[in-house]
Amino acid sequence: MRDIRLVNLSLLAKWRWRLLQSGEGLWKEVLIDKYGPRVCNLVGDQVGTWPWFISRWWKDIAHFEGMGGAFWFKSEIFKKVGTGNATNFWKDPWRGDTHFCGKYPRLYGISNSKEATVEEVRGVDGGRDVWDLVWRRPLFVWEEELLISLMEDLEGHRWANHEDRWSWKLEGDGVFSVKSCYLKLEKMWMGGIGWSGEERRVFECI
């Protein structure tokens, strides 16, 4: 017997997942026209605020993470960078579980390329790849130390000749499924109930 609340959240998560994927559809064009292009980048704390006239359905999609704990959907996705042309260097979680604007707010605050993609900050020096980050002023000594830490986070990145895409951690192929989402929410919300093994076997047979 499934918890209808968790089923609803899982289905809302599926819509958000579909919005994160590349490709176009009439339904997506309508949402972009009504609410703006940021509907395609609903990732955790980047959701922000919306106008008063949004529909109840869209309100649920935009804010459902608050119903199940802080950013639980965001914690299970990451950006697989190929060419880097569709990934924001600072705002998308593409190296580890967090985005650089949150991990290095000081550097983000003085950056002149807050909206730059990964591809746009990629430079070449003597035939090797470098990161061409532009600042609005010279860095202080302690900010230079932050930059060193950022460069260590970037070390080992490998470019690939494919489009950037989001990946779902709970499935081996990286594709979202309602089932895996439901199981995660069930574990989050119902893990403390303490059902016995016999009780679980009974529920599985219903």
N, C-alpha and C. Protein backbone atom coordinates (compact mmCIF):
# COMPACT_ATOMS: atom_id res chain seq x y z
N MET A 1 0.86 -1.18 0.00
CA MET A 1 0.00 0.00 0.00
C MET A 1 0.89 1.23 0.00
N ARG A 2 0.73 2.06 -1.00
CA ARG A 2 1.60 3.23 -1.14
C ARG A 2 1.01 4.45 -0.45
N ASP A 3 1.91 5.27 0.07
CA ASP A 3 1.50 6.53 0.68
C ASP A 3 1.21 7.52 -0.44
N ILE A 4 -0.03 8.01 -0.52
CA ILE A 4 -0.43 8.86 -1.63
C ILE A 4 0.35 10.17 -1.65
N ARG A 5 0.79 10.65 -0.50
CA ARG A 5 1.60 11.88 -0.45
C ARG A 5 2.93 11.67 -1.18
N LEU A 6 3.55 10.52 -0.92
CA LEU A 6 4.85 10.25 -1.52
C LEU A 6 4.72 9.96 -3.01
N VAL A 7 3.62 9.31 -3.40
CA VAL A 7 3.36 9.10 -4.82
C VAL A 7 3.23 10.43 -5.53
N ASN A 8 2.49 11.36 -4.93
CA ASN A 8 2.29 12.67 -5.53
C ASN A 8 3.62 13.41 -5.67
N LEU A 9 4.45 13.38 -4.63
CA LEU A 9 5.76 14.04 -4.70
C LEU A 9 6.64 13.42 -5.77
N SER A 10 6.58 12.12 -5.91
CA SER A 10 7.40 11.43 -6.91
C SER A 10 6.97 11.82 -8.32
N LEU A 11 5.67 11.96 -8.52
CA LEU A 11 5.17 12.36 -9.85
C LEU A 11 5.51 13.82 -10.14
N LEU A 12 5.45 14.68 -9.12
CA LEU A 12 5.88 16.07 -9.31
C LEU A 12 7.36 16.13 -9.66
N ALA A 13 8.15 15.28 -9.00
CA ALA A 13 9.59 15.22 -9.28
C ALA A 13 9.84 14.80 -10.73
N LYS A 14 8.99 13.94 -11.25
CA LYS A 14 9.15 13.51 -12.64
C LYS A 14 8.98 14.68 -13.60
N TRP A 15 8.01 15.56 -13.30
CA TRP A 15 7.83 16.75 -14.15
C TRP A 15 9.05 17.66 -14.09
N ARG A 16 9.59 17.84 -12.88
CA ARG A 16 10.78 18.69 -12.77
C ARG A 16 11.95 18.06 -13.52
N TRP A 17 12.09 16.75 -13.43
CA TRP A 17 13.15 16.06 -14.15
C TRP A 17 13.01 16.30 -15.65
N ARG A 18 11.79 16.20 -16.15
CA ARG A 18 11.56 16.40 -17.58
C ARG A 18 11.90 17.84 -18.00
N LEU A 19 11.68 18.79 -17.13
CA LEU A 19 12.02 20.18 -17.43
C LEU A 19 13.53 20.37 -17.52
N LEU A 20 14.27 19.59 -16.74
CA LEU A 20 15.73 19.71 -16.76
C LEU A 20 16.36 19.11 -18.01
N GLN A 21 15.61 18.24 -18.70
CA GLN A 21 16.17 17.57 -19.87
C GLN A 21 16.13 18.48 -21.08
N SER A 22 17.07 18.22 -22.01
CA SER A 22 17.10 18.98 -23.26
C SER A 22 15.95 18.54 -24.15
N GLY A 23 15.69 19.30 -25.16
CA GLY A 23 14.58 18.98 -26.04
C GLY A 23 13.40 19.90 -25.78
N GLU A 24 12.55 20.01 -26.76
CA GLU A 24 11.43 20.93 -26.66
C GLU A 24 10.11 20.19 -26.80
N GLY A 25 9.09 20.79 -26.29
CA GLY A 25 7.73 20.28 -26.41
C GLY A 25 6.78 21.44 -26.22
N LEU A 26 5.58 21.30 -26.70
CA LEU A 26 4.62 22.38 -26.59
C LEU A 26 4.35 22.74 -25.13
N TRP A 27 4.23 21.72 -24.27
CA TRP A 27 3.96 21.98 -22.85
C TRP A 27 5.08 22.81 -22.21
N LYS A 28 6.34 22.53 -22.62
CA LYS A 28 7.47 23.28 -22.07
C LYS A 28 7.49 24.71 -22.62
N GLU A 29 7.17 24.87 -23.89
CA GLU A 29 7.12 26.19 -24.49
C GLU A 29 6.07 27.06 -23.80
N VAL A 30 4.94 26.46 -23.45
CA VAL A 30 3.89 27.21 -22.76
C VAL A 30 4.38 27.68 -21.39
N LEU A 31 5.05 26.79 -20.65
CA LEU A 31 5.56 27.16 -19.33
C LEU A 31 6.61 28.26 -19.42
N ILE A 32 7.51 28.16 -20.40
CA ILE A 32 8.55 29.18 -20.57
C ILE A 32 7.92 30.52 -20.92
N ASP A 33 6.91 30.49 -21.79
CA ASP A 33 6.24 31.73 -22.19
C ASP A 33 5.52 32.37 -21.01
N LYS A 34 4.97 31.54 -20.12
CA LYS A 34 4.18 32.06 -19.00
C LYS A 34 5.04 32.50 -17.82
N TYR A 35 6.09 31.71 -17.49
CA TYR A 35 6.86 31.96 -16.28
C TYR A 35 8.31 32.35 -16.52
N GLY A 36 8.79 32.24 -17.77
CA GLY A 36 10.16 32.60 -18.06
C GLY A 36 11.07 31.39 -18.20
N PRO A 37 12.28 31.58 -18.77
CA PRO A 37 13.19 30.45 -19.06
C PRO A 37 13.71 29.73 -17.83
N ARG A 38 13.63 30.33 -16.65
CA ARG A 38 14.17 29.66 -15.46
C ARG A 38 13.36 28.44 -15.06
N VAL A 39 12.21 28.21 -15.69
CA VAL A 39 11.45 26.99 -15.37
C VAL A 39 12.25 25.74 -15.72
N CYS A 40 13.25 25.88 -16.60
CA CYS A 40 14.04 24.73 -17.03
C CYS A 40 15.26 24.51 -16.16
N ASN A 41 15.37 25.24 -15.05
CA ASN A 41 16.54 25.09 -14.19
C ASN A 41 16.13 25.13 -12.72
N LEU A 42 15.12 24.34 -12.38
CA LEU A 42 14.66 24.29 -11.00
C LEU A 42 15.54 23.34 -10.20
N VAL A 43 16.60 23.88 -9.64
CA VAL A 43 17.54 23.05 -8.89
C VAL A 43 17.73 23.66 -7.51
N GLY A 44 17.13 23.05 -6.51
CA GLY A 44 17.34 23.46 -5.13
C GLY A 44 17.04 24.91 -4.87
N ASP A 45 18.01 25.63 -4.28
CA ASP A 45 17.79 26.99 -3.85
C ASP A 45 17.76 27.99 -4.99
N GLN A 46 17.83 27.52 -6.24
CA GLN A 46 17.70 28.43 -7.37
C GLN A 46 16.24 28.61 -7.78
N VAL A 47 15.33 27.97 -7.09
CA VAL A 47 13.91 28.04 -7.45
C VAL A 47 13.40 29.46 -7.35
N GLY A 48 13.70 30.15 -6.24
CA GLY A 48 13.32 31.54 -6.09
C GLY A 48 11.83 31.75 -5.91
N THR A 49 11.38 32.97 -6.22
CA THR A 49 9.98 33.33 -6.06
C THR A 49 9.29 33.40 -7.42
N TRP A 50 7.95 33.35 -7.38
CA TRP A 50 7.16 33.33 -8.60
C TRP A 50 6.03 34.35 -8.50
N PRO A 51 5.50 34.81 -9.64
CA PRO A 51 4.40 35.79 -9.60
C PRO A 51 3.15 35.21 -8.94
N TRP A 52 2.26 36.07 -8.53
CA TRP A 52 1.08 35.65 -7.77
C TRP A 52 0.11 34.80 -8.58
N PHE A 53 0.18 34.90 -9.92
CA PHE A 53 -0.82 34.23 -10.75
C PHE A 53 -0.43 32.80 -11.13
N ILE A 54 0.61 32.22 -10.53
CA ILE A 54 0.99 30.86 -10.91
C ILE A 54 -0.11 29.87 -10.51
N SER A 55 -0.22 28.80 -11.28
CA SER A 55 -1.23 27.79 -11.00
C SER A 55 -0.82 26.94 -9.80
N ARG A 56 -1.79 26.26 -9.22
CA ARG A 56 -1.51 25.40 -8.08
C ARG A 56 -0.56 24.27 -8.49
N TRP A 57 -0.75 23.73 -9.69
CA TRP A 57 0.11 22.67 -10.20
C TRP A 57 1.55 23.14 -10.28
N TRP A 58 1.77 24.33 -10.85
CA TRP A 58 3.13 24.83 -10.98
C TRP A 58 3.73 25.18 -9.63
N LYS A 59 2.92 25.69 -8.74
CA LYS A 59 3.41 26.00 -7.40
C LYS A 59 3.92 24.74 -6.71
N ASP A 60 3.19 23.63 -6.89
CA ASP A 60 3.63 22.37 -6.29
C ASP A 60 4.94 21.88 -6.90
N ILE A 61 5.10 22.01 -8.21
CA ILE A 61 6.33 21.58 -8.87
C ILE A 61 7.51 22.44 -8.43
N ALA A 62 7.29 23.74 -8.33
CA ALA A 62 8.38 24.66 -8.00
C ALA A 62 8.83 24.53 -6.55
N HIS A 63 7.93 24.11 -5.66
CA HIS A 63 8.26 24.14 -4.23
C HIS A 63 8.10 22.80 -3.54
N PHE A 64 8.04 21.70 -4.27
CA PHE A 64 7.76 20.43 -3.61
C PHE A 64 8.87 19.95 -2.69
N GLU A 65 10.09 20.44 -2.87
CA GLU A 65 11.17 19.97 -2.00
C GLU A 65 10.95 20.36 -0.56
N GLY A 66 10.25 21.46 -0.32
CA GLY A 66 9.93 21.85 1.04
C GLY A 66 8.98 20.90 1.72
N MET A 67 8.31 20.05 0.93
CA MET A 67 7.37 19.09 1.50
C MET A 67 8.06 17.82 1.96
N GLY A 68 9.28 17.61 1.53
CA GLY A 68 9.95 16.35 1.86
C GLY A 68 11.32 16.52 2.48
N GLY A 69 11.65 17.72 2.94
CA GLY A 69 12.97 17.96 3.50
C GLY A 69 13.77 18.87 2.58
N ALA A 70 14.82 19.46 3.09
CA ALA A 70 15.56 20.47 2.37
C ALA A 70 16.29 19.90 1.16
N PHE A 71 15.82 20.27 -0.02
CA PHE A 71 16.51 19.98 -1.28
C PHE A 71 16.82 18.50 -1.49
N TRP A 72 15.88 17.62 -1.17
CA TRP A 72 16.11 16.18 -1.34
C TRP A 72 16.23 15.82 -2.82
N PHE A 73 15.51 16.53 -3.70
CA PHE A 73 15.61 16.24 -5.13
C PHE A 73 16.99 16.67 -5.64
N LYS A 74 17.41 17.84 -5.25
CA LYS A 74 18.71 18.36 -5.68
C LYS A 74 19.85 17.43 -5.26
N SER A 75 19.72 16.80 -4.09
CA SER A 75 20.81 15.95 -3.59
C SER A 75 21.00 14.69 -4.42
N GLU A 76 20.02 14.35 -5.26
CA GLU A 76 20.10 13.12 -6.04
C GLU A 76 20.37 13.35 -7.52
N ILE A 77 20.70 14.57 -7.91
CA ILE A 77 21.02 14.84 -9.31
C ILE A 77 22.38 15.52 -9.41
N PHE A 78 23.02 15.34 -10.54
CA PHE A 78 24.25 16.07 -10.81
C PHE A 78 24.39 16.24 -12.32
N LYS A 79 25.18 17.22 -12.70
CA LYS A 79 25.37 17.53 -14.11
C LYS A 79 26.57 16.77 -14.65
N LYS A 80 26.35 15.99 -15.70
CA LYS A 80 27.44 15.31 -16.39
C LYS A 80 27.88 16.20 -17.54
N VAL A 81 29.04 16.80 -17.39
CA VAL A 81 29.51 17.79 -18.34
C VAL A 81 30.21 17.11 -19.52
N GLY A 82 29.78 17.48 -20.71
CA GLY A 82 30.44 17.02 -21.93
C GLY A 82 31.24 18.15 -22.53
N THR A 83 30.58 18.95 -23.36
CA THR A 83 31.24 20.12 -23.94
C THR A 83 31.23 21.31 -22.99
N GLY A 84 30.32 21.28 -22.01
CA GLY A 84 30.24 22.38 -21.04
C GLY A 84 29.43 23.56 -21.50
N ASN A 85 28.76 23.45 -22.66
CA ASN A 85 28.05 24.61 -23.20
C ASN A 85 26.67 24.82 -22.59
N ALA A 86 26.20 23.89 -21.77
CA ALA A 86 24.87 24.03 -21.17
C ALA A 86 24.93 23.93 -19.65
N THR A 87 26.10 24.19 -19.08
CA THR A 87 26.28 24.09 -17.63
C THR A 87 26.85 25.39 -17.10
N ASN A 88 26.15 26.02 -16.16
CA ASN A 88 26.66 27.23 -15.55
C ASN A 88 27.81 26.89 -14.62
N PHE A 89 28.95 27.55 -14.83
CA PHE A 89 30.15 27.23 -14.06
C PHE A 89 29.91 27.38 -12.56
N TRP A 90 29.24 28.45 -12.15
CA TRP A 90 29.07 28.76 -10.74
C TRP A 90 27.82 28.14 -10.12
N LYS A 91 26.75 28.05 -10.88
CA LYS A 91 25.43 27.76 -10.28
C LYS A 91 24.96 26.32 -10.41
N ASP A 92 25.54 25.54 -11.31
CA ASP A 92 25.13 24.16 -11.47
C ASP A 92 26.06 23.22 -10.69
N PRO A 93 25.51 22.20 -10.02
CA PRO A 93 26.36 21.23 -9.30
C PRO A 93 26.98 20.22 -10.26
N TRP A 94 28.15 20.53 -10.78
CA TRP A 94 28.77 19.66 -11.78
C TRP A 94 30.10 19.07 -11.31
N ARG A 95 30.62 19.54 -10.20
CA ARG A 95 31.82 18.94 -9.59
C ARG A 95 31.50 18.68 -8.12
N GLY A 96 31.03 17.48 -7.82
CA GLY A 96 30.61 17.19 -6.46
C GLY A 96 29.13 17.49 -6.26
N ASP A 97 28.71 17.52 -5.02
CA ASP A 97 27.29 17.64 -4.70
C ASP A 97 26.81 19.07 -4.53
N THR A 98 27.69 20.04 -4.63
CA THR A 98 27.27 21.42 -4.43
C THR A 98 27.76 22.29 -5.57
N HIS A 99 27.17 23.46 -5.71
CA HIS A 99 27.61 24.40 -6.74
C HIS A 99 28.67 25.34 -6.17
N PHE A 100 29.49 25.88 -7.04
CA PHE A 100 30.62 26.69 -6.60
C PHE A 100 30.18 28.03 -6.00
N CYS A 101 29.04 28.57 -6.43
CA CYS A 101 28.60 29.85 -5.87
C CYS A 101 28.24 29.70 -4.40
N GLY A 102 27.83 28.48 -3.99
CA GLY A 102 27.54 28.24 -2.60
C GLY A 102 28.77 27.85 -1.80
N LYS A 103 29.68 27.14 -2.43
CA LYS A 103 30.90 26.69 -1.74
C LYS A 103 31.93 27.81 -1.63
N TYR A 104 31.95 28.69 -2.66
CA TYR A 104 32.90 29.80 -2.66
C TYR A 104 32.16 31.12 -2.90
N PRO A 105 31.32 31.53 -1.95
CA PRO A 105 30.52 32.75 -2.15
C PRO A 105 31.36 34.01 -2.34
N ARG A 106 32.53 34.05 -1.70
CA ARG A 106 33.38 35.24 -1.84
C ARG A 106 33.89 35.37 -3.27
N LEU A 107 34.37 34.27 -3.84
CA LEU A 107 34.86 34.31 -5.21
C LEU A 107 33.72 34.59 -6.18
N TYR A 108 32.57 33.99 -5.92
CA TYR A 108 31.40 34.24 -6.78
C TYR A 108 31.01 35.71 -6.74
N GLY A 109 31.09 36.32 -5.56
CA GLY A 109 30.69 37.72 -5.42
C GLY A 109 31.56 38.68 -6.21
N ILE A 110 32.84 38.34 -6.43
CA ILE A 110 33.73 39.25 -7.16
C ILE A 110 33.98 38.77 -8.59
N SER A 111 33.25 37.76 -9.01
CA SER A 111 33.43 37.24 -10.37
C SER A 111 32.74 38.15 -11.39
N ASN A 112 33.37 38.31 -12.53
CA ASN A 112 32.76 39.05 -13.64
C ASN A 112 32.06 38.12 -14.62
N SER A 113 31.98 36.85 -14.27
CA SER A 113 31.39 35.87 -15.19
C SER A 113 30.41 34.97 -14.45
N LYS A 114 29.48 35.59 -13.71
CA LYS A 114 28.53 34.82 -12.90
C LYS A 114 27.61 33.94 -13.75
N GLU A 115 27.34 34.35 -14.98
CA GLU A 115 26.43 33.59 -15.83
C GLU A 115 27.17 32.76 -16.88
N ALA A 116 28.48 32.68 -16.78
CA ALA A 116 29.27 31.97 -17.79
C ALA A 116 29.07 30.46 -17.69
N THR A 117 29.10 29.81 -18.84
CA THR A 117 29.06 28.36 -18.87
C THR A 117 30.46 27.80 -18.62
N VAL A 118 30.52 26.51 -18.37
CA VAL A 118 31.82 25.85 -18.16
C VAL A 118 32.68 26.01 -19.41
N GLU A 119 32.05 25.88 -20.57
CA GLU A 119 32.78 26.01 -21.83
C GLU A 119 33.38 27.40 -21.98
N GLU A 120 32.67 28.42 -21.52
CA GLU A 120 33.11 29.81 -21.70
C GLU A 120 34.29 30.17 -20.81
N VAL A 121 34.48 29.48 -19.70
CA VAL A 121 35.63 29.79 -18.84
C VAL A 121 36.79 28.83 -19.11
N ARG A 122 36.64 28.02 -20.13
CA ARG A 122 37.72 27.11 -20.52
C ARG A 122 38.70 27.87 -21.40
N GLY A 123 39.96 27.89 -21.01
CA GLY A 123 41.00 28.54 -21.80
C GLY A 123 42.08 27.56 -22.21
N VAL A 124 42.99 28.03 -23.04
CA VAL A 124 44.10 27.20 -23.51
C VAL A 124 45.40 27.97 -23.32
N ASP A 125 46.38 27.33 -22.72
CA ASP A 125 47.68 27.95 -22.49
C ASP A 125 48.76 26.94 -22.86
N GLY A 126 49.46 27.21 -23.97
CA GLY A 126 50.52 26.31 -24.40
C GLY A 126 50.03 24.92 -24.75
N GLY A 127 48.81 24.83 -25.28
CA GLY A 127 48.26 23.55 -25.68
C GLY A 127 47.57 22.78 -24.58
N ARG A 128 47.52 23.33 -23.39
CA ARG A 128 46.83 22.63 -22.30
C ARG A 128 45.65 23.48 -21.82
N ASP A 129 44.67 22.81 -21.27
CA ASP A 129 43.47 23.51 -20.78
C ASP A 129 43.75 24.24 -19.48
N VAL A 130 43.22 25.45 -19.39
CA VAL A 130 43.27 26.23 -18.15
C VAL A 130 41.88 26.81 -17.90
N TRP A 131 41.67 27.34 -16.70
CA TRP A 131 40.40 27.95 -16.36
C TRP A 131 40.56 29.46 -16.38
N ASP A 132 39.85 30.11 -17.29
CA ASP A 132 39.98 31.54 -17.51
C ASP A 132 38.90 32.29 -16.73
N LEU A 133 39.15 32.47 -15.43
CA LEU A 133 38.20 33.16 -14.56
C LEU A 133 38.56 34.63 -14.49
N VAL A 134 37.56 35.49 -14.61
CA VAL A 134 37.78 36.94 -14.65
C VAL A 134 37.18 37.56 -13.39
N TRP A 135 37.97 38.43 -12.73
CA TRP A 135 37.54 39.06 -11.49
C TRP A 135 37.39 40.57 -11.69
N ARG A 136 36.54 41.16 -10.91
CA ARG A 136 36.31 42.61 -11.05
C ARG A 136 37.37 43.44 -10.33
N ARG A 137 38.26 42.79 -9.62
CA ARG A 137 39.39 43.46 -8.96
C ARG A 137 40.44 42.42 -8.63
N PRO A 138 41.67 42.85 -8.30
CA PRO A 138 42.70 41.89 -7.90
C PRO A 138 42.29 41.16 -6.62
N LEU A 139 42.67 39.91 -6.51
CA LEU A 139 42.32 39.12 -5.34
C LEU A 139 43.22 39.44 -4.16
N PHE A 140 42.61 39.42 -2.95
CA PHE A 140 43.40 39.53 -1.74
C PHE A 140 44.12 38.20 -1.51
N VAL A 141 45.09 38.21 -0.58
CA VAL A 141 45.87 37.01 -0.33
C VAL A 141 44.98 35.85 0.09
N TRP A 142 44.04 36.09 1.01
CA TRP A 142 43.18 35.01 1.48
C TRP A 142 42.21 34.55 0.41
N GLU A 143 41.90 35.44 -0.55
CA GLU A 143 41.06 35.04 -1.68
C GLU A 143 41.85 34.18 -2.66
N GLU A 144 43.15 34.45 -2.77
CA GLU A 144 44.01 33.60 -3.59
C GLU A 144 44.01 32.17 -3.06
N GLU A 145 43.95 32.03 -1.73
CA GLU A 145 43.89 30.70 -1.14
C GLU A 145 42.58 30.00 -1.50
N LEU A 146 41.49 30.75 -1.54
CA LEU A 146 40.21 30.19 -1.97
C LEU A 146 40.28 29.73 -3.42
N LEU A 147 40.96 30.54 -4.24
CA LEU A 147 41.11 30.18 -5.65
C LEU A 147 41.91 28.89 -5.81
N ILE A 148 42.94 28.72 -5.00
CA ILE A 148 43.73 27.48 -5.04
C ILE A 148 42.84 26.29 -4.71
N SER A 149 41.99 26.46 -3.71
CA SER A 149 41.06 25.39 -3.33
C SER A 149 40.08 25.08 -4.46
N LEU A 150 39.61 26.14 -5.14
CA LEU A 150 38.71 25.95 -6.27
C LEU A 150 39.41 25.20 -7.40
N MET A 151 40.67 25.54 -7.66
CA MET A 151 41.42 24.86 -8.71
C MET A 151 41.62 23.38 -8.37
N GLU A 152 41.77 23.08 -7.09
CA GLU A 152 41.90 21.68 -6.67
C GLU A 152 40.61 20.92 -6.93
N ASP A 153 39.47 21.60 -6.73
CA ASP A 153 38.17 20.97 -7.03
C ASP A 153 38.02 20.69 -8.52
N LEU A 154 38.64 21.51 -9.35
CA LEU A 154 38.52 21.37 -10.80
C LEU A 154 39.53 20.38 -11.37
N GLU A 155 40.52 20.05 -10.58
CA GLU A 155 41.58 19.17 -11.07
C GLU A 155 41.01 17.80 -11.46
N GLY A 156 41.44 17.31 -12.58
CA GLY A 156 41.02 15.99 -13.03
C GLY A 156 39.79 15.98 -13.91
N HIS A 157 39.22 17.18 -14.17
CA HIS A 157 38.04 17.20 -15.05
C HIS A 157 38.43 16.79 -16.47
N ARG A 158 37.61 15.94 -17.06
CA ARG A 158 37.85 15.48 -18.42
C ARG A 158 36.70 15.90 -19.33
N TRP A 159 37.06 16.48 -20.44
CA TRP A 159 36.06 16.91 -21.40
C TRP A 159 35.59 15.72 -22.24
N ALA A 160 34.36 15.80 -22.69
CA ALA A 160 33.79 14.73 -23.52
C ALA A 160 33.00 15.37 -24.66
N ASN A 161 32.92 14.67 -25.76
CA ASN A 161 32.25 15.21 -26.94
C ASN A 161 30.77 14.79 -26.95
N HIS A 162 30.04 15.24 -25.93
CA HIS A 162 28.59 15.00 -25.89
C HIS A 162 27.93 16.17 -25.18
N GLU A 163 26.64 16.29 -25.33
CA GLU A 163 25.90 17.38 -24.71
C GLU A 163 25.89 17.20 -23.18
N ASP A 164 25.89 18.31 -22.47
CA ASP A 164 25.74 18.25 -21.02
C ASP A 164 24.36 17.69 -20.69
N ARG A 165 24.29 16.90 -19.64
CA ARG A 165 22.99 16.33 -19.25
C ARG A 165 22.96 16.06 -17.75
N TRP A 166 21.75 16.08 -17.23
CA TRP A 166 21.55 15.77 -15.82
C TRP A 166 21.51 14.25 -15.63
N SER A 167 21.98 13.81 -14.48
CA SER A 167 21.98 12.40 -14.17
C SER A 167 21.33 12.17 -12.80
N TRP A 168 20.56 11.08 -12.69
CA TRP A 168 19.85 10.71 -11.46
C TRP A 168 20.65 9.65 -10.73
N LYS A 169 21.09 9.95 -9.52
CA LYS A 169 22.02 9.08 -8.79
C LYS A 169 21.42 7.74 -8.41
N LEU A 170 20.10 7.68 -8.28
CA LEU A 170 19.47 6.48 -7.74
C LEU A 170 19.23 5.39 -8.77
N GLU A 171 19.58 5.64 -10.03
CA GLU A 171 19.45 4.63 -11.07
C GLU A 171 20.78 4.46 -11.77
N GLY A 172 21.12 3.22 -12.09
CA GLY A 172 22.42 2.95 -12.72
C GLY A 172 22.61 3.64 -14.05
N ASP A 173 21.52 3.81 -14.82
CA ASP A 173 21.65 4.47 -16.12
C ASP A 173 21.52 5.98 -16.03
N GLY A 174 21.33 6.51 -14.81
CA GLY A 174 21.25 7.95 -14.62
C GLY A 174 19.94 8.58 -15.01
N VAL A 175 18.93 7.76 -15.32
CA VAL A 175 17.63 8.27 -15.75
C VAL A 175 16.64 8.19 -14.59
N PHE A 176 15.91 9.27 -14.38
CA PHE A 176 14.94 9.34 -13.28
C PHE A 176 13.87 8.27 -13.41
N SER A 177 13.46 7.72 -12.27
CA SER A 177 12.30 6.82 -12.23
C SER A 177 11.45 7.17 -11.03
N VAL A 178 10.15 7.09 -11.19
CA VAL A 178 9.22 7.37 -10.10
C VAL A 178 9.44 6.38 -8.96
N LYS A 179 9.73 5.12 -9.29
CA LYS A 179 9.93 4.09 -8.28
C LYS A 179 11.10 4.42 -7.35
N SER A 180 12.26 4.76 -7.93
CA SER A 180 13.43 5.05 -7.09
C SER A 180 13.20 6.31 -6.26
N CYS A 181 12.48 7.27 -6.82
CA CYS A 181 12.16 8.49 -6.07
C CYS A 181 11.25 8.17 -4.90
N TYR A 182 10.24 7.34 -5.15
CA TYR A 182 9.31 6.96 -4.08
C TYR A 182 10.04 6.22 -2.96
N LEU A 183 10.94 5.31 -3.33
CA LEU A 183 11.66 4.54 -2.31
C LEU A 183 12.54 5.46 -1.46
N LYS A 184 13.12 6.48 -2.09
CA LYS A 184 13.92 7.44 -1.32
C LYS A 184 13.05 8.19 -0.32
N LEU A 185 11.90 8.68 -0.80
CA LEU A 185 11.00 9.43 0.08
C LEU A 185 10.44 8.54 1.19
N GLU A 186 10.15 7.30 0.85
CA GLU A 186 9.65 6.37 1.85
C GLU A 186 10.68 6.17 2.95
N LYS A 187 11.93 6.05 2.55
CA LYS A 187 13.00 5.88 3.54
C LYS A 187 13.16 7.12 4.40
N MET A 188 13.03 8.30 3.78
CA MET A 188 13.16 9.56 4.51
C MET A 188 12.03 9.75 5.51
N TRP A 189 10.81 9.53 5.05
CA TRP A 189 9.64 9.84 5.85
C TRP A 189 9.21 8.73 6.79
N MET A 190 9.42 7.49 6.37
CA MET A 190 8.83 6.38 7.11
C MET A 190 9.88 5.47 7.73
N GLY A 191 11.14 5.87 7.64
CA GLY A 191 12.21 5.02 8.17
C GLY A 191 12.15 4.84 9.67
N GLY A 192 11.53 5.80 10.35
CA GLY A 192 11.48 5.72 11.81
C GLY A 192 10.27 5.02 12.36
N ILE A 193 9.42 4.45 11.51
CA ILE A 193 8.20 3.81 12.00
C ILE A 193 8.51 2.54 12.76
N GLY A 194 9.51 1.80 12.31
CA GLY A 194 9.93 0.62 13.04
C GLY A 194 9.05 -0.59 12.82
N TRP A 195 8.60 -0.84 11.58
CA TRP A 195 7.82 -2.04 11.29
C TRP A 195 8.67 -3.28 11.51
N SER A 196 8.06 -4.32 12.00
CA SER A 196 8.76 -5.59 12.16
C SER A 196 8.86 -6.28 10.80
N GLY A 197 9.72 -7.29 10.73
CA GLY A 197 9.86 -8.03 9.48
C GLY A 197 8.57 -8.68 9.05
N GLU A 198 7.82 -9.20 10.03
CA GLU A 198 6.55 -9.85 9.71
C GLU A 198 5.54 -8.85 9.16
N GLU A 199 5.50 -7.66 9.76
CA GLU A 199 4.58 -6.63 9.28
C GLU A 199 4.92 -6.20 7.86
N ARG A 200 6.19 -6.07 7.57
CA ARG A 200 6.60 -5.68 6.21
C ARG A 200 6.22 -6.74 5.20
N ARG A 201 6.37 -8.02 5.57
CA ARG A 201 5.99 -9.09 4.65
C ARG A 201 4.49 -9.07 4.36
N VAL A 202 3.71 -8.73 5.37
CA VAL A 202 2.24 -8.64 5.17
C VAL A 202 1.92 -7.52 4.21
N PHE A 203 2.53 -6.35 4.41
CA PHE A 203 2.24 -5.21 3.52
C PHE A 203 2.68 -5.49 2.10
N GLU A 204 3.78 -6.22 1.92
CA GLU A 204 4.24 -6.53 0.58
C GLU A 204 3.27 -7.45 -0.17
N CYS A 205 2.47 -8.19 0.57
CA CYS A 205 1.51 -9.11 -0.04
C CYS A 205 0.17 -8.45 -0.35
N ILE A 206 -0.04 -7.24 0.12
CA ILE A 206 -1.32 -6.57 -0.10
C ILE A 206 -1.33 -5.90 -1.47
